[in-house]
Amino acid sequence: MQWLILILAGLLEVFWATFLRLSEGFTKLVPSIIAIVGNLASIYMLSLALKNLPLGSAYAIWTGIGVVGTFIIGIVAFHESVSIPQVICVIMILCGIIGMKLTGAAG
């Protein structure tokens, strides 16, 4: 259950970061509010996961999900440029997340 909560927290990280981009520096009200609420929800879900997972592992995975997800959203939704080295680095982050889970490093 703690893994499901942690994954949800990571997905909320992607959600709020996307709306932070859409808020254009907090100059647009609705995306700004959505970003703030999403951020608070993400942190709350992380706090729930931390009841049963080690801090370092859970935080690394939470931010890793956020990094990979926002990287993909940036490319798909915002047409941001991407290079092969960037893709390789993001794949390494994803491998690290999976590796932490498979090795039991995160509970």
Protein backbone atom coordinates (compact mmCIF):
# COMPACT_ATOMS: atom_id res chain seq x y z
CA MET A 1 0.00 0.00 0.00
CA GLN A 2 2.84 2.41 0.83
CA TRP A 3 4.19 1.92 -2.71
CA LEU A 4 0.88 2.85 -4.26
CA ILE A 5 0.78 5.97 -2.10
CA LEU A 6 4.36 6.86 -3.04
CA ILE A 7 3.66 6.39 -6.75
CA LEU A 8 0.55 8.57 -6.46
CA ALA A 9 2.64 11.22 -4.67
CA GLY A 10 5.15 11.10 -7.52
CA LEU A 11 2.41 11.43 -10.14
CA LEU A 12 1.02 14.41 -8.24
CA GLU A 13 4.53 15.86 -8.42
CA VAL A 14 4.28 15.72 -12.22
CA PHE A 15 0.75 17.19 -12.06
CA TRP A 16 1.63 20.22 -9.97
CA ALA A 17 4.87 20.90 -11.85
CA THR A 18 2.94 20.92 -15.13
CA PHE A 19 0.47 23.45 -13.76
CA LEU A 20 3.33 25.49 -12.34
CA ARG A 21 4.57 25.83 -15.92
CA LEU A 22 1.06 26.77 -17.06
CA SER A 23 0.79 29.39 -14.30
CA GLU A 24 3.46 31.47 -16.08
CA GLY A 25 5.21 32.54 -12.89
CA PHE A 26 1.98 32.61 -10.85
CA THR A 27 0.49 35.23 -13.17
CA LYS A 28 -2.48 33.01 -14.12
CA LEU A 29 -4.82 32.38 -11.20
CA VAL A 30 -6.40 29.01 -11.98
CA PRO A 31 -3.20 27.16 -12.95
CA SER A 32 -1.48 28.75 -9.93
CA ILE A 33 -4.13 27.46 -7.55
CA ILE A 34 -4.05 24.00 -9.14
CA ALA A 35 -0.24 23.94 -8.84
CA ILE A 36 -0.35 24.88 -5.15
CA VAL A 37 -3.09 22.39 -4.30
CA GLY A 38 -1.32 19.68 -6.29
CA ASN A 39 1.93 20.41 -4.49
CA LEU A 40 0.27 20.17 -1.09
CA ALA A 41 -1.46 16.92 -2.10
CA SER A 42 1.84 15.48 -3.33
CA ILE A 43 3.63 16.36 -0.11
CA TYR A 44 0.75 14.98 1.95
CA MET A 45 0.84 11.67 0.06
CA LEU A 46 4.63 11.52 0.51
CA SER A 47 4.16 12.06 4.25
CA LEU A 48 1.76 9.11 4.35
CA ALA A 49 4.23 6.89 2.49
CA LEU A 50 6.99 7.93 4.91
CA LYS A 51 5.12 6.24 7.75
CA ASN A 52 6.32 2.91 6.31
CA LEU A 53 9.23 3.70 3.98
CA PRO A 54 12.74 4.98 4.67
CA LEU A 55 13.08 8.73 4.12
CA GLY A 56 16.06 8.66 1.75
CA SER A 57 14.67 5.95 -0.51
CA ALA A 58 11.13 7.31 -0.60
CA TYR A 59 12.28 10.86 -1.31
CA ALA A 60 14.61 9.71 -4.07
CA ILE A 61 11.83 7.71 -5.71
CA TRP A 62 9.28 10.52 -5.29
CA THR A 63 11.53 13.06 -6.95
CA GLY A 64 12.64 10.52 -9.55
CA ILE A 65 9.05 9.93 -10.63
CA GLY A 66 8.65 13.70 -10.81
CA VAL A 67 11.79 14.10 -12.92
CA VAL A 68 10.89 11.37 -15.40
CA GLY A 69 7.24 12.42 -15.64
CA THR A 70 7.89 16.12 -16.09
CA PHE A 71 10.60 15.35 -18.64
CA ILE A 72 8.07 13.40 -20.70
CA ILE A 73 5.33 16.04 -20.27
CA GLY A 74 7.78 18.75 -21.31
CA ILE A 75 8.52 16.94 -24.55
CA VAL A 76 4.97 15.82 -25.37
CA ALA A 77 2.86 18.76 -24.17
CA PHE A 78 5.26 21.69 -24.42
CA HIS A 79 7.36 20.52 -27.38
CA GLU A 80 10.60 21.05 -25.49
CA SER A 81 13.77 20.02 -27.28
CA VAL A 82 15.49 16.84 -26.21
CA SER A 83 18.85 15.28 -26.90
CA ILE A 84 20.05 11.68 -26.81
CA PRO A 85 22.26 12.34 -23.74
CA GLN A 86 19.24 13.76 -21.90
CA VAL A 87 17.17 10.69 -22.74
CA ILE A 88 19.99 8.42 -21.56
CA CYS A 89 20.20 10.31 -18.26
CA VAL A 90 16.45 10.08 -17.68
CA ILE A 91 16.55 6.36 -18.46
CA MET A 92 19.29 6.00 -15.83
CA ILE A 93 17.06 7.78 -13.30
CA LEU A 94 14.21 5.41 -14.18
CA CYS A 95 16.56 2.42 -13.79
CA GLY A 96 17.56 3.75 -10.38
CA ILE A 97 13.92 3.98 -9.27
CA ILE A 98 13.24 0.43 -10.45
CA GLY A 99 16.48 -0.80 -8.93
CA MET A 100 15.61 0.64 -5.53
CA LYS A 101 12.30 -1.17 -5.58
CA LEU A 102 13.73 -4.49 -6.82
CA THR A 103 16.57 -4.51 -4.30
CA GLY A 104 14.25 -3.79 -1.42
CA ALA A 105 16.02 -0.52 -0.64
CA ALA A 106 12.68 1.25 -0.19
CA GLY A 107 10.89 -1.22 2.03
